[in-house]
Amino acid sequence: MKVPVYNQEGKEVSETVLPKEIFEVPMNADLVHQVVSAQIANKRQKIAKVKDRAEVRGGGKKPWRQKGTGRARHGSIRSPLWKGGGVTFGPRPERVLKKKVTKKMKRKALFIVLSAKAKDKQILILNDLGNELCLSTDGKPKTKLMAKILGKLFLEKGSGLVVFSQKDDNLVKATRNIARAKPLSAKDLNILDLLSYKYLLMPKDAIKVIKETFSKK
């Protein structure tokens, strides 16, 4: 698949070929849903916890005798039937939230989403994304300069994931505060981020990093 290569002004300057094994994988919505669900579940933190009847304070004495009062029989005020008693089937820290998917499934789901974006022309290849583009005269990263570049490429049309071939602190600092844009290293590419942003912007050398990282060894 041939795709255009753009410069920082948003103008097409050349073409490049995307690897067929990564960017031309047929759609499998069930697999994508399964991997996304697993990734969301694995990010959950178990912060909610309620006390069961064994952990509630008090309740050692029977509230009233078993017979003769005309009231229902009760053995402890710790019972879930009582106000302030234990909670039945509430959130507990021992509950397992994680879902397991194989590396092969995650890899194929990632390729499916990349292929869908390539088919919809939502992958933007940049001829260069060096950190000198976003540095001011004093050598500090400037969000304003990066926002100007991204505005010509995709910001006016939607959100985007800015992928770097290798981590660069200056590029990350210049991009992370831009609304509707997220910086990410090519080796850390994941299906949830791809689906959360409309466009995928990356330099040409990031394609090689993706192929080396996620293709079969």
N, C-alpha and C. Protein backbone atom coordinates (compact mmCIF):
# COMPACT_ATOMS: atom_id res chain seq x y z
N MET A 1 0.84 -1.18 0.00
CA MET A 1 0.00 0.00 0.00
C MET A 1 0.89 1.24 0.00
N LYS A 2 0.67 2.13 -0.98
CA LYS A 2 1.42 3.37 -1.05
C LYS A 2 0.63 4.48 -0.37
N VAL A 3 1.33 5.26 0.44
CA VAL A 3 0.71 6.39 1.13
C VAL A 3 1.58 7.62 0.92
N PRO A 4 0.97 8.80 0.91
CA PRO A 4 1.77 10.03 0.73
C PRO A 4 2.59 10.37 1.96
N VAL A 5 3.69 11.04 1.73
CA VAL A 5 4.55 11.54 2.81
C VAL A 5 4.44 13.06 2.81
N TYR A 6 4.21 13.63 4.00
CA TYR A 6 4.00 15.07 4.12
C TYR A 6 5.19 15.73 4.80
N ASN A 7 5.32 17.04 4.53
CA ASN A 7 6.30 17.83 5.29
C ASN A 7 5.59 18.56 6.42
N GLN A 8 6.32 19.40 7.14
CA GLN A 8 5.75 20.08 8.30
C GLN A 8 4.68 21.11 7.93
N GLU A 9 4.62 21.48 6.66
CA GLU A 9 3.61 22.42 6.19
C GLU A 9 2.32 21.73 5.78
N GLY A 10 2.32 20.39 5.86
CA GLY A 10 1.13 19.64 5.47
C GLY A 10 1.02 19.39 3.98
N LYS A 11 2.12 19.57 3.25
CA LYS A 11 2.12 19.38 1.80
C LYS A 11 2.76 18.04 1.45
N GLU A 12 2.20 17.38 0.45
CA GLU A 12 2.71 16.08 0.03
C GLU A 12 4.02 16.25 -0.72
N VAL A 13 5.04 15.53 -0.30
CA VAL A 13 6.36 15.67 -0.93
C VAL A 13 6.83 14.39 -1.61
N SER A 14 6.31 13.24 -1.18
CA SER A 14 6.71 11.97 -1.80
C SER A 14 5.73 10.88 -1.40
N GLU A 15 6.12 9.64 -1.67
CA GLU A 15 5.30 8.48 -1.29
C GLU A 15 6.18 7.44 -0.62
N THR A 16 5.53 6.59 0.16
CA THR A 16 6.23 5.47 0.79
C THR A 16 5.31 4.25 0.80
N VAL A 17 5.90 3.08 0.95
CA VAL A 17 5.14 1.83 0.93
C VAL A 17 5.02 1.30 2.35
N LEU A 18 3.79 0.97 2.76
CA LEU A 18 3.55 0.39 4.07
C LEU A 18 3.63 -1.13 3.99
N PRO A 19 4.23 -1.79 4.96
CA PRO A 19 4.33 -3.26 4.93
C PRO A 19 2.96 -3.92 4.87
N LYS A 20 2.82 -4.85 3.96
CA LYS A 20 1.54 -5.51 3.75
C LYS A 20 1.10 -6.33 4.96
N GLU A 21 2.05 -6.96 5.65
CA GLU A 21 1.71 -7.84 6.77
C GLU A 21 1.22 -7.06 7.99
N ILE A 22 1.39 -5.74 8.00
CA ILE A 22 0.96 -4.91 9.12
C ILE A 22 -0.23 -4.03 8.77
N PHE A 23 -0.23 -3.48 7.56
CA PHE A 23 -1.22 -2.48 7.19
C PHE A 23 -2.26 -2.98 6.18
N GLU A 24 -2.29 -4.29 5.95
CA GLU A 24 -3.33 -4.84 5.07
C GLU A 24 -3.90 -6.12 5.65
N VAL A 25 -4.25 -6.07 6.93
CA VAL A 25 -4.83 -7.22 7.64
C VAL A 25 -6.34 -7.08 7.63
N PRO A 26 -7.09 -8.11 7.24
CA PRO A 26 -8.56 -8.01 7.19
C PRO A 26 -9.17 -7.79 8.57
N MET A 27 -10.33 -7.17 8.59
CA MET A 27 -11.01 -6.81 9.83
C MET A 27 -11.54 -8.04 10.56
N ASN A 28 -11.39 -8.03 11.87
CA ASN A 28 -11.97 -9.04 12.76
C ASN A 28 -12.45 -8.29 14.01
N ALA A 29 -13.70 -7.82 13.96
CA ALA A 29 -14.24 -6.97 15.03
C ALA A 29 -14.28 -7.69 16.37
N ASP A 30 -14.56 -8.99 16.36
CA ASP A 30 -14.63 -9.74 17.62
C ASP A 30 -13.27 -9.78 18.33
N LEU A 31 -12.22 -9.97 17.56
CA LEU A 31 -10.87 -10.01 18.14
C LEU A 31 -10.50 -8.64 18.70
N VAL A 32 -10.80 -7.59 17.96
CA VAL A 32 -10.50 -6.23 18.42
C VAL A 32 -11.23 -5.93 19.73
N HIS A 33 -12.51 -6.32 19.78
CA HIS A 33 -13.30 -6.08 20.99
C HIS A 33 -12.72 -6.85 22.18
N GLN A 34 -12.30 -8.07 21.95
CA GLN A 34 -11.76 -8.90 23.03
C GLN A 34 -10.46 -8.30 23.59
N VAL A 35 -9.58 -7.84 22.71
CA VAL A 35 -8.30 -7.27 23.15
C VAL A 35 -8.52 -5.93 23.84
N VAL A 36 -9.43 -5.11 23.33
CA VAL A 36 -9.73 -3.82 23.97
C VAL A 36 -10.32 -4.04 25.36
N SER A 37 -11.25 -4.97 25.48
CA SER A 37 -11.86 -5.27 26.78
C SER A 37 -10.81 -5.73 27.78
N ALA A 38 -9.87 -6.56 27.32
CA ALA A 38 -8.81 -7.05 28.21
C ALA A 38 -7.89 -5.92 28.64
N GLN A 39 -7.56 -5.03 27.73
CA GLN A 39 -6.67 -3.92 28.07
C GLN A 39 -7.32 -2.97 29.07
N ILE A 40 -8.61 -2.70 28.89
CA ILE A 40 -9.33 -1.83 29.83
C ILE A 40 -9.42 -2.50 31.20
N ALA A 41 -9.73 -3.80 31.21
CA ALA A 41 -9.85 -4.53 32.48
C ALA A 41 -8.52 -4.58 33.21
N ASN A 42 -7.43 -4.75 32.49
CA ASN A 42 -6.11 -4.86 33.12
C ASN A 42 -5.62 -3.53 33.66
N LYS A 43 -6.23 -2.43 33.22
CA LYS A 43 -5.84 -1.12 33.74
C LYS A 43 -6.62 -0.75 35.01
N ARG A 44 -7.67 -1.50 35.31
CA ARG A 44 -8.49 -1.17 36.47
C ARG A 44 -7.73 -1.38 37.78
N GLN A 45 -7.97 -0.49 38.71
CA GLN A 45 -7.36 -0.61 40.03
C GLN A 45 -8.44 -0.98 41.05
N LYS A 46 -8.12 -1.90 41.94
CA LYS A 46 -9.09 -2.35 42.95
C LYS A 46 -9.04 -1.42 44.16
N ILE A 47 -9.77 -0.33 44.10
CA ILE A 47 -9.75 0.65 45.18
C ILE A 47 -11.02 0.60 46.02
N ALA A 48 -12.09 -0.03 45.51
CA ALA A 48 -13.34 -0.11 46.26
C ALA A 48 -13.34 -1.37 47.13
N LYS A 49 -13.78 -1.22 48.37
CA LYS A 49 -13.83 -2.36 49.29
C LYS A 49 -14.94 -2.12 50.31
N VAL A 50 -15.75 -3.14 50.55
CA VAL A 50 -16.78 -3.09 51.59
C VAL A 50 -16.50 -4.20 52.61
N LYS A 51 -17.09 -4.06 53.79
CA LYS A 51 -16.91 -5.07 54.83
C LYS A 51 -18.01 -6.12 54.74
N ASP A 52 -17.61 -7.37 54.85
CA ASP A 52 -18.62 -8.42 54.95
C ASP A 52 -18.99 -8.59 56.43
N ARG A 53 -19.89 -9.52 56.74
CA ARG A 53 -20.39 -9.63 58.09
C ARG A 53 -19.33 -10.07 59.10
N ALA A 54 -18.25 -10.66 58.62
CA ALA A 54 -17.18 -11.07 59.51
C ALA A 54 -16.30 -9.90 59.93
N GLU A 55 -16.35 -8.80 59.18
CA GLU A 55 -15.47 -7.67 59.45
C GLU A 55 -16.20 -6.52 60.17
N VAL A 56 -17.53 -6.56 60.19
CA VAL A 56 -18.28 -5.49 60.84
C VAL A 56 -18.11 -5.59 62.36
N ARG A 57 -17.96 -4.43 63.00
CA ARG A 57 -17.75 -4.40 64.44
C ARG A 57 -19.06 -4.67 65.20
N GLY A 58 -18.96 -5.38 66.32
CA GLY A 58 -20.12 -5.64 67.18
C GLY A 58 -20.87 -6.89 66.73
N GLY A 59 -22.08 -7.05 67.26
CA GLY A 59 -22.92 -8.16 66.85
C GLY A 59 -22.60 -9.47 67.52
N GLY A 60 -21.87 -9.47 68.62
CA GLY A 60 -21.55 -10.72 69.28
C GLY A 60 -22.72 -11.32 70.05
N LYS A 61 -23.63 -10.47 70.44
CA LYS A 61 -24.78 -10.92 71.22
C LYS A 61 -26.02 -11.03 70.34
N LYS A 62 -26.83 -12.02 70.60
CA LYS A 62 -28.09 -12.18 69.87
C LYS A 62 -29.01 -11.00 70.24
N PRO A 63 -29.58 -10.30 69.23
CA PRO A 63 -30.36 -9.08 69.52
C PRO A 63 -31.51 -9.33 70.51
N TRP A 64 -32.24 -10.39 70.35
CA TRP A 64 -33.31 -10.78 71.27
C TRP A 64 -33.48 -12.29 71.21
N ARG A 65 -34.27 -12.79 72.12
CA ARG A 65 -34.41 -14.25 72.19
C ARG A 65 -35.10 -14.77 70.93
N GLN A 66 -34.93 -16.08 70.75
CA GLN A 66 -35.39 -16.71 69.51
C GLN A 66 -36.91 -16.68 69.40
N LYS A 67 -37.62 -16.98 70.51
CA LYS A 67 -39.07 -17.10 70.43
C LYS A 67 -39.76 -16.21 71.47
N GLY A 68 -41.01 -15.95 71.19
CA GLY A 68 -41.84 -15.29 72.18
C GLY A 68 -41.94 -13.78 72.08
N THR A 69 -41.19 -13.14 71.21
CA THR A 69 -41.24 -11.67 71.11
C THR A 69 -42.20 -11.20 70.03
N GLY A 70 -42.57 -12.10 69.13
CA GLY A 70 -43.41 -11.71 68.00
C GLY A 70 -42.63 -11.11 66.85
N ARG A 71 -41.35 -10.94 67.01
CA ARG A 71 -40.52 -10.37 65.93
C ARG A 71 -39.76 -11.48 65.20
N ALA A 72 -39.23 -11.12 64.05
CA ALA A 72 -38.47 -12.10 63.27
C ALA A 72 -37.22 -12.50 64.03
N ARG A 73 -36.79 -13.72 63.81
CA ARG A 73 -35.61 -14.22 64.51
C ARG A 73 -34.33 -13.65 63.87
N HIS A 74 -33.38 -13.24 64.70
CA HIS A 74 -32.09 -12.73 64.23
C HIS A 74 -31.01 -13.24 65.16
N GLY A 75 -29.88 -13.47 64.59
CA GLY A 75 -28.76 -13.98 65.39
C GLY A 75 -27.69 -12.94 65.62
N SER A 76 -27.60 -11.90 64.74
CA SER A 76 -26.54 -10.91 64.88
C SER A 76 -26.90 -9.65 64.12
N ILE A 77 -26.48 -8.52 64.65
CA ILE A 77 -26.72 -7.26 63.94
C ILE A 77 -25.69 -7.07 62.82
N ARG A 78 -24.77 -8.00 62.69
CA ARG A 78 -23.83 -7.97 61.57
C ARG A 78 -24.45 -8.47 60.27
N SER A 79 -25.63 -9.02 60.35
CA SER A 79 -26.30 -9.58 59.17
C SER A 79 -26.51 -8.51 58.10
N PRO A 80 -26.38 -8.86 56.83
CA PRO A 80 -26.64 -7.89 55.75
C PRO A 80 -28.07 -7.33 55.78
N LEU A 81 -28.99 -7.98 56.50
CA LEU A 81 -30.36 -7.48 56.59
C LEU A 81 -30.45 -6.23 57.46
N TRP A 82 -29.46 -6.01 58.29
CA TRP A 82 -29.49 -4.89 59.23
C TRP A 82 -28.74 -3.69 58.67
N LYS A 83 -29.22 -2.49 59.04
CA LYS A 83 -28.51 -1.27 58.70
C LYS A 83 -27.19 -1.24 59.44
N GLY A 84 -26.11 -1.01 58.71
CA GLY A 84 -24.79 -1.03 59.31
C GLY A 84 -24.17 -2.40 59.35
N GLY A 85 -24.88 -3.40 58.84
CA GLY A 85 -24.34 -4.75 58.82
C GLY A 85 -23.42 -4.96 57.63
N GLY A 86 -22.97 -6.18 57.46
CA GLY A 86 -22.09 -6.49 56.34
C GLY A 86 -22.80 -6.37 55.00
N VAL A 87 -22.00 -6.25 53.94
CA VAL A 87 -22.53 -6.11 52.59
C VAL A 87 -22.34 -7.42 51.83
N THR A 88 -23.39 -7.84 51.15
CA THR A 88 -23.34 -9.08 50.38
C THR A 88 -22.93 -8.78 48.94
N PHE A 89 -21.97 -9.51 48.43
CA PHE A 89 -21.51 -9.40 47.03
C PHE A 89 -21.01 -8.00 46.68
N GLY A 90 -20.43 -7.28 47.63
CA GLY A 90 -19.86 -5.97 47.35
C GLY A 90 -18.47 -6.10 46.77
N PRO A 91 -17.87 -4.97 46.35
CA PRO A 91 -16.51 -5.00 45.80
C PRO A 91 -15.48 -5.42 46.84
N ARG A 92 -14.63 -6.35 46.49
CA ARG A 92 -13.62 -6.88 47.40
C ARG A 92 -12.25 -6.87 46.71
N PRO A 93 -11.18 -6.68 47.49
CA PRO A 93 -9.84 -6.60 46.88
C PRO A 93 -9.36 -7.92 46.28
N GLU A 94 -9.91 -9.04 46.74
CA GLU A 94 -9.46 -10.33 46.22
C GLU A 94 -10.10 -10.70 44.88
N ARG A 95 -11.00 -9.86 44.41
CA ARG A 95 -11.64 -10.14 43.12
C ARG A 95 -10.64 -9.97 41.99
N VAL A 96 -10.59 -10.91 41.08
CA VAL A 96 -9.66 -10.88 39.96
C VAL A 96 -10.32 -10.16 38.78
N LEU A 97 -9.74 -9.02 38.37
CA LEU A 97 -10.30 -8.22 37.28
C LEU A 97 -9.58 -8.45 35.96
N LYS A 98 -8.39 -9.01 36.03
CA LYS A 98 -7.57 -9.12 34.83
C LYS A 98 -8.13 -10.15 33.84
N LYS A 99 -7.95 -9.84 32.57
CA LYS A 99 -8.31 -10.76 31.49
C LYS A 99 -7.07 -11.05 30.68
N LYS A 100 -6.92 -12.30 30.32
CA LYS A 100 -5.71 -12.72 29.63
C LYS A 100 -5.96 -12.88 28.14
N VAL A 101 -5.09 -12.27 27.35
CA VAL A 101 -5.08 -12.49 25.90
C VAL A 101 -3.64 -12.80 25.50
N THR A 102 -3.47 -13.58 24.49
CA THR A 102 -2.14 -13.99 24.07
C THR A 102 -1.45 -12.87 23.29
N LYS A 103 -0.14 -12.95 23.19
CA LYS A 103 0.63 -11.97 22.43
C LYS A 103 0.21 -11.98 20.95
N LYS A 104 -0.10 -13.16 20.46
CA LYS A 104 -0.51 -13.28 19.06
C LYS A 104 -1.81 -12.54 18.81
N MET A 105 -2.75 -12.63 19.76
CA MET A 105 -4.02 -11.93 19.62
C MET A 105 -3.82 -10.43 19.68
N LYS A 106 -3.00 -9.96 20.62
CA LYS A 106 -2.75 -8.52 20.74
C LYS A 106 -2.05 -7.97 19.49
N ARG A 107 -1.12 -8.74 18.98
CA ARG A 107 -0.39 -8.29 17.79
C ARG A 107 -1.32 -8.20 16.59
N LYS A 108 -2.16 -9.21 16.39
CA LYS A 108 -3.05 -9.20 15.25
C LYS A 108 -4.11 -8.11 15.37
N ALA A 109 -4.64 -7.89 16.58
CA ALA A 109 -5.62 -6.83 16.78
C ALA A 109 -5.01 -5.47 16.49
N LEU A 110 -3.75 -5.27 16.89
CA LEU A 110 -3.06 -4.02 16.61
C LEU A 110 -2.92 -3.81 15.10
N PHE A 111 -2.55 -4.87 14.39
CA PHE A 111 -2.40 -4.76 12.93
C PHE A 111 -3.76 -4.49 12.26
N ILE A 112 -4.83 -5.05 12.80
CA ILE A 112 -6.16 -4.83 12.23
C ILE A 112 -6.54 -3.36 12.32
N VAL A 113 -6.30 -2.75 13.48
CA VAL A 113 -6.64 -1.33 13.65
C VAL A 113 -5.75 -0.45 12.78
N LEU A 114 -4.46 -0.79 12.69
CA LEU A 114 -3.56 -0.03 11.82
C LEU A 114 -4.00 -0.14 10.36
N SER A 115 -4.44 -1.33 9.96
CA SER A 115 -4.91 -1.54 8.59
C SER A 115 -6.17 -0.72 8.32
N ALA A 116 -7.08 -0.67 9.30
CA ALA A 116 -8.31 0.10 9.14
C ALA A 116 -8.00 1.59 9.00
N LYS A 117 -7.04 2.08 9.77
CA LYS A 117 -6.67 3.49 9.67
C LYS A 117 -6.00 3.79 8.32
N ALA A 118 -5.18 2.85 7.87
CA ALA A 118 -4.55 3.05 6.57
C ALA A 118 -5.59 3.06 5.44
N LYS A 119 -6.58 2.19 5.55
CA LYS A 119 -7.64 2.13 4.54
C LYS A 119 -8.47 3.40 4.53
N ASP A 120 -8.69 3.99 5.71
CA ASP A 120 -9.49 5.22 5.82
C ASP A 120 -8.65 6.48 5.65
N LYS A 121 -7.37 6.31 5.29
CA LYS A 121 -6.46 7.44 5.07
C LYS A 121 -6.31 8.29 6.32
N GLN A 122 -6.20 7.61 7.46
CA GLN A 122 -6.03 8.30 8.74
C GLN A 122 -4.61 8.14 9.28
N ILE A 123 -3.71 7.59 8.45
CA ILE A 123 -2.30 7.51 8.83
C ILE A 123 -1.55 8.57 8.05
N LEU A 124 -0.89 9.45 8.77
CA LEU A 124 -0.13 10.55 8.17
C LEU A 124 1.36 10.30 8.39
N ILE A 125 2.10 10.15 7.29
CA ILE A 125 3.53 9.90 7.37
C ILE A 125 4.27 11.22 7.16
N LEU A 126 5.16 11.54 8.09
CA LEU A 126 5.91 12.78 8.03
C LEU A 126 7.33 12.48 7.58
N ASN A 127 7.88 13.35 6.74
CA ASN A 127 9.24 13.09 6.26
C ASN A 127 10.29 13.29 7.37
N ASP A 128 9.96 14.15 8.35
CA ASP A 128 10.89 14.35 9.45
C ASP A 128 10.13 14.93 10.64
N LEU A 129 10.48 14.46 11.85
CA LEU A 129 9.87 14.98 13.06
C LEU A 129 10.96 15.14 14.11
N GLY A 130 11.97 15.91 13.76
CA GLY A 130 13.08 16.13 14.67
C GLY A 130 12.73 17.10 15.77
N ASN A 131 13.43 17.00 16.89
CA ASN A 131 13.08 17.87 18.01
C ASN A 131 13.44 19.33 17.77
N GLU A 132 14.25 19.60 16.73
CA GLU A 132 14.59 20.99 16.46
C GLU A 132 13.38 21.79 15.96
N LEU A 133 12.34 21.07 15.54
CA LEU A 133 11.14 21.74 15.02
C LEU A 133 10.37 22.46 16.12
N CYS A 134 10.46 21.98 17.34
CA CYS A 134 9.67 22.53 18.43
C CYS A 134 10.50 23.26 19.47
N LEU A 135 11.77 23.56 19.14
CA LEU A 135 12.63 24.26 20.08
C LEU A 135 12.64 25.75 19.78
N SER A 136 12.59 26.54 20.84
CA SER A 136 12.66 27.99 20.69
C SER A 136 14.11 28.41 20.53
N THR A 137 14.33 29.72 20.43
CA THR A 137 15.69 30.22 20.23
C THR A 137 16.59 29.93 21.43
N ASP A 138 15.99 29.78 22.60
CA ASP A 138 16.79 29.47 23.79
C ASP A 138 16.97 27.97 24.01
N GLY A 139 16.49 27.14 23.06
CA GLY A 139 16.70 25.70 23.14
C GLY A 139 15.70 24.95 23.97
N LYS A 140 14.61 25.59 24.38
CA LYS A 140 13.58 24.93 25.18
C LYS A 140 12.40 24.51 24.31
N PRO A 141 11.79 23.34 24.63
CA PRO A 141 10.64 22.89 23.83
C PRO A 141 9.44 23.83 24.00
N LYS A 142 8.78 24.15 22.88
CA LYS A 142 7.65 25.06 22.90
C LYS A 142 6.40 24.37 22.35
N THR A 143 5.37 24.32 23.17
CA THR A 143 4.10 23.71 22.74
C THR A 143 3.50 24.48 21.57
N LYS A 144 3.66 25.78 21.59
CA LYS A 144 3.09 26.63 20.53
C LYS A 144 3.64 26.26 19.16
N LEU A 145 4.94 25.98 19.08
CA LEU A 145 5.55 25.61 17.81
C LEU A 145 5.03 24.25 17.32
N MET A 146 4.93 23.29 18.25
CA MET A 146 4.42 21.98 17.87
C MET A 146 2.94 22.05 17.48
N ALA A 147 2.16 22.84 18.20
CA ALA A 147 0.73 22.98 17.88
C ALA A 147 0.54 23.57 16.48
N LYS A 148 1.44 24.46 16.09
CA LYS A 148 1.36 25.05 14.75
C LYS A 148 1.59 23.99 13.67
N ILE A 149 2.56 23.10 13.91
CA ILE A 149 2.85 22.03 12.95
C ILE A 149 1.69 21.04 12.88
N LEU A 150 1.19 20.61 14.05
CA LEU A 150 0.11 19.64 14.07
C LEU A 150 -1.19 20.22 13.53
N GLY A 151 -1.37 21.53 13.70
CA GLY A 151 -2.58 22.17 13.18
C GLY A 151 -2.66 22.08 11.67
N LYS A 152 -1.53 22.11 11.00
CA LYS A 152 -1.51 22.01 9.54
C LYS A 152 -1.70 20.57 9.06
N LEU A 153 -1.49 19.62 9.97
CA LEU A 153 -1.56 18.21 9.58
C LEU A 153 -2.91 17.56 9.94
N PHE A 154 -3.37 17.72 11.20
CA PHE A 154 -4.61 17.02 11.56
C PHE A 154 -5.47 17.72 12.61
N LEU A 155 -4.93 18.63 13.41
CA LEU A 155 -5.69 19.17 14.54
C LEU A 155 -6.99 19.83 14.14
N GLU A 156 -7.02 20.44 12.95
CA GLU A 156 -8.24 21.10 12.49
C GLU A 156 -9.30 20.09 12.08
N LYS A 157 -8.90 18.84 11.85
CA LYS A 157 -9.85 17.81 11.39
C LYS A 157 -10.21 16.81 12.47
N GLY A 158 -9.43 16.72 13.54
CA GLY A 158 -9.73 15.76 14.60
C GLY A 158 -8.52 15.53 15.49
N SER A 159 -8.65 14.56 16.39
CA SER A 159 -7.58 14.24 17.32
C SER A 159 -6.53 13.37 16.64
N GLY A 160 -5.38 13.27 17.29
CA GLY A 160 -4.31 12.49 16.68
C GLY A 160 -3.32 11.95 17.68
N LEU A 161 -2.73 10.83 17.33
CA LEU A 161 -1.68 10.19 18.11
C LEU A 161 -0.35 10.49 17.42
N VAL A 162 0.55 11.15 18.12
CA VAL A 162 1.84 11.52 17.56
C VAL A 162 2.87 10.48 17.99
N VAL A 163 3.31 9.68 17.06
CA VAL A 163 4.20 8.55 17.36
C VAL A 163 5.62 8.91 16.96
N PHE A 164 6.56 8.68 17.88
CA PHE A 164 7.97 8.94 17.63
C PHE A 164 8.71 7.63 17.43
N SER A 165 9.71 7.65 16.56
CA SER A 165 10.49 6.42 16.33
C SER A 165 11.27 6.04 17.59
N GLN A 166 11.71 7.02 18.35
CA GLN A 166 12.36 6.79 19.64
C GLN A 166 12.00 7.94 20.58
N LYS A 167 11.98 7.65 21.88
CA LYS A 167 11.55 8.65 22.84
C LYS A 167 12.45 9.86 22.82
N ASP A 168 11.80 11.03 22.73
CA ASP A 168 12.52 12.29 22.75
C ASP A 168 11.83 13.21 23.74
N ASP A 169 12.52 13.57 24.81
CA ASP A 169 11.90 14.37 25.87
C ASP A 169 11.40 15.72 25.37
N ASN A 170 12.13 16.34 24.44
CA ASN A 170 11.71 17.64 23.93
C ASN A 170 10.40 17.54 23.15
N LEU A 171 10.29 16.50 22.32
CA LEU A 171 9.07 16.31 21.55
C LEU A 171 7.89 15.97 22.46
N VAL A 172 8.14 15.17 23.48
CA VAL A 172 7.08 14.81 24.42
C VAL A 172 6.59 16.04 25.17
N LYS A 173 7.51 16.85 25.67
CA LYS A 173 7.14 18.05 26.41
C LYS A 173 6.38 19.05 25.53
N ALA A 174 6.75 19.13 24.27
CA ALA A 174 6.10 20.08 23.36
C ALA A 174 4.73 19.61 22.91
N THR A 175 4.45 18.30 23.06
CA THR A 175 3.19 17.75 22.53
C THR A 175 2.17 17.43 23.61
N ARG A 176 2.61 17.09 24.82
CA ARG A 176 1.72 16.50 25.82
C ARG A 176 0.62 17.44 26.30
N ASN A 177 0.79 18.76 26.18
CA ASN A 177 -0.23 19.70 26.64
C ASN A 177 -1.14 20.19 25.52
N ILE A 178 -1.00 19.63 24.34
CA ILE A 178 -1.86 20.01 23.23
C ILE A 178 -3.15 19.20 23.30
N ALA A 179 -4.27 19.91 23.28
CA ALA A 179 -5.56 19.23 23.32
C ALA A 179 -5.73 18.36 22.06
N ARG A 180 -6.30 17.17 22.26
CA ARG A 180 -6.58 16.24 21.16
C ARG A 180 -5.32 15.69 20.51
N ALA A 181 -4.21 15.68 21.23
CA ALA A 181 -2.98 15.08 20.71
C ALA A 181 -2.26 14.38 21.85
N LYS A 182 -1.66 13.24 21.55
CA LYS A 182 -0.94 12.48 22.57
C LYS A 182 0.36 11.96 22.00
N PRO A 183 1.50 12.22 22.67
CA PRO A 183 2.78 11.68 22.21
C PRO A 183 2.97 10.24 22.68
N LEU A 184 3.60 9.43 21.83
CA LEU A 184 3.80 8.02 22.16
C LEU A 184 4.95 7.47 21.35
N SER A 185 5.77 6.63 21.97
CA SER A 185 6.85 5.96 21.25
C SER A 185 6.28 4.83 20.39
N ALA A 186 6.92 4.58 19.28
CA ALA A 186 6.43 3.55 18.36
C ALA A 186 6.42 2.17 19.01
N LYS A 187 7.38 1.88 19.86
CA LYS A 187 7.44 0.56 20.51
C LYS A 187 6.35 0.39 21.55
N ASP A 188 5.72 1.49 21.99
CA ASP A 188 4.65 1.43 22.99
C ASP A 188 3.26 1.53 22.37
N LEU A 189 3.17 1.38 21.08
CA LEU A 189 1.89 1.49 20.39
C LEU A 189 0.93 0.42 20.91
N ASN A 190 -0.32 0.81 21.15
CA ASN A 190 -1.31 -0.14 21.64
C ASN A 190 -2.67 0.17 21.04
N ILE A 191 -3.54 -0.82 21.07
CA ILE A 191 -4.81 -0.73 20.38
C ILE A 191 -5.75 0.29 21.01
N LEU A 192 -5.69 0.45 22.33
CA LEU A 192 -6.59 1.38 23.01
C LEU A 192 -6.31 2.83 22.62
N ASP A 193 -5.04 3.20 22.55
CA ASP A 193 -4.68 4.55 22.12
C ASP A 193 -5.03 4.77 20.66
N LEU A 194 -4.84 3.76 19.83
CA LEU A 194 -5.16 3.90 18.41
C LEU A 194 -6.65 4.16 18.19
N LEU A 195 -7.48 3.50 18.99
CA LEU A 195 -8.92 3.68 18.85
C LEU A 195 -9.41 4.96 19.52
N SER A 196 -8.63 5.52 20.42
CA SER A 196 -9.03 6.73 21.14
C SER A 196 -8.76 7.99 20.33
N TYR A 197 -7.89 7.90 19.33
CA TYR A 197 -7.54 9.06 18.51
C TYR A 197 -7.80 8.74 17.04
N LYS A 198 -8.23 9.77 16.30
CA LYS A 198 -8.64 9.56 14.91
C LYS A 198 -7.45 9.34 13.99
N TYR A 199 -6.46 10.22 14.07
CA TYR A 199 -5.33 10.16 13.16
C TYR A 199 -4.09 9.59 13.84
N LEU A 200 -3.22 9.05 13.02
CA LEU A 200 -1.95 8.52 13.49
C LEU A 200 -0.84 9.21 12.70
N LEU A 201 -0.08 10.06 13.38
CA LEU A 201 1.00 10.80 12.74
C LEU A 201 2.33 10.22 13.20
N MET A 202 3.19 9.89 12.22
CA MET A 202 4.50 9.33 12.58
C MET A 202 5.49 9.58 11.47
N PRO A 203 6.78 9.67 11.79
CA PRO A 203 7.82 9.81 10.77
C PRO A 203 8.04 8.49 10.04
N LYS A 204 8.72 8.55 8.93
CA LYS A 204 8.93 7.35 8.12
C LYS A 204 9.69 6.27 8.87
N ASP A 205 10.68 6.66 9.67
CA ASP A 205 11.48 5.65 10.37
C ASP A 205 10.71 4.95 11.48
N ALA A 206 9.54 5.48 11.87
CA ALA A 206 8.73 4.80 12.89
C ALA A 206 8.11 3.52 12.33
N ILE A 207 7.92 3.46 11.03
CA ILE A 207 7.36 2.25 10.40
C ILE A 207 8.30 1.06 10.62
N LYS A 208 9.59 1.32 10.49
CA LYS A 208 10.59 0.27 10.71
C LYS A 208 10.59 -0.20 12.16
N VAL A 209 10.42 0.74 13.11
CA VAL A 209 10.40 0.40 14.53
C VAL A 209 9.17 -0.47 14.84
N ILE A 210 8.02 -0.12 14.27
CA ILE A 210 6.80 -0.90 14.48
C ILE A 210 6.98 -2.32 13.94
N LYS A 211 7.56 -2.43 12.77
CA LYS A 211 7.79 -3.75 12.16
C LYS A 211 8.74 -4.58 12.99
N GLU A 212 9.81 -3.99 13.48
CA GLU A 212 10.78 -4.73 14.29
C GLU A 212 10.22 -5.12 15.66
N THR A 213 9.35 -4.27 16.22
CA THR A 213 8.82 -4.51 17.56
C THR A 213 7.71 -5.54 17.59
N PHE A 214 6.79 -5.45 16.62
CA PHE A 214 5.57 -6.25 16.69
C PHE A 214 5.50 -7.41 15.71
N SER A 215 6.34 -7.44 14.71
CA SER A 215 6.31 -8.57 13.78
C SER A 215 6.88 -9.82 14.44
N LYS A 216 6.54 -10.96 13.88
CA LYS A 216 7.05 -12.21 14.42
C LYS A 216 8.55 -12.29 14.28
N LYS A 217 9.20 -12.79 15.34
CA LYS A 217 10.66 -12.91 15.30
C LYS A 217 11.06 -14.08 14.42
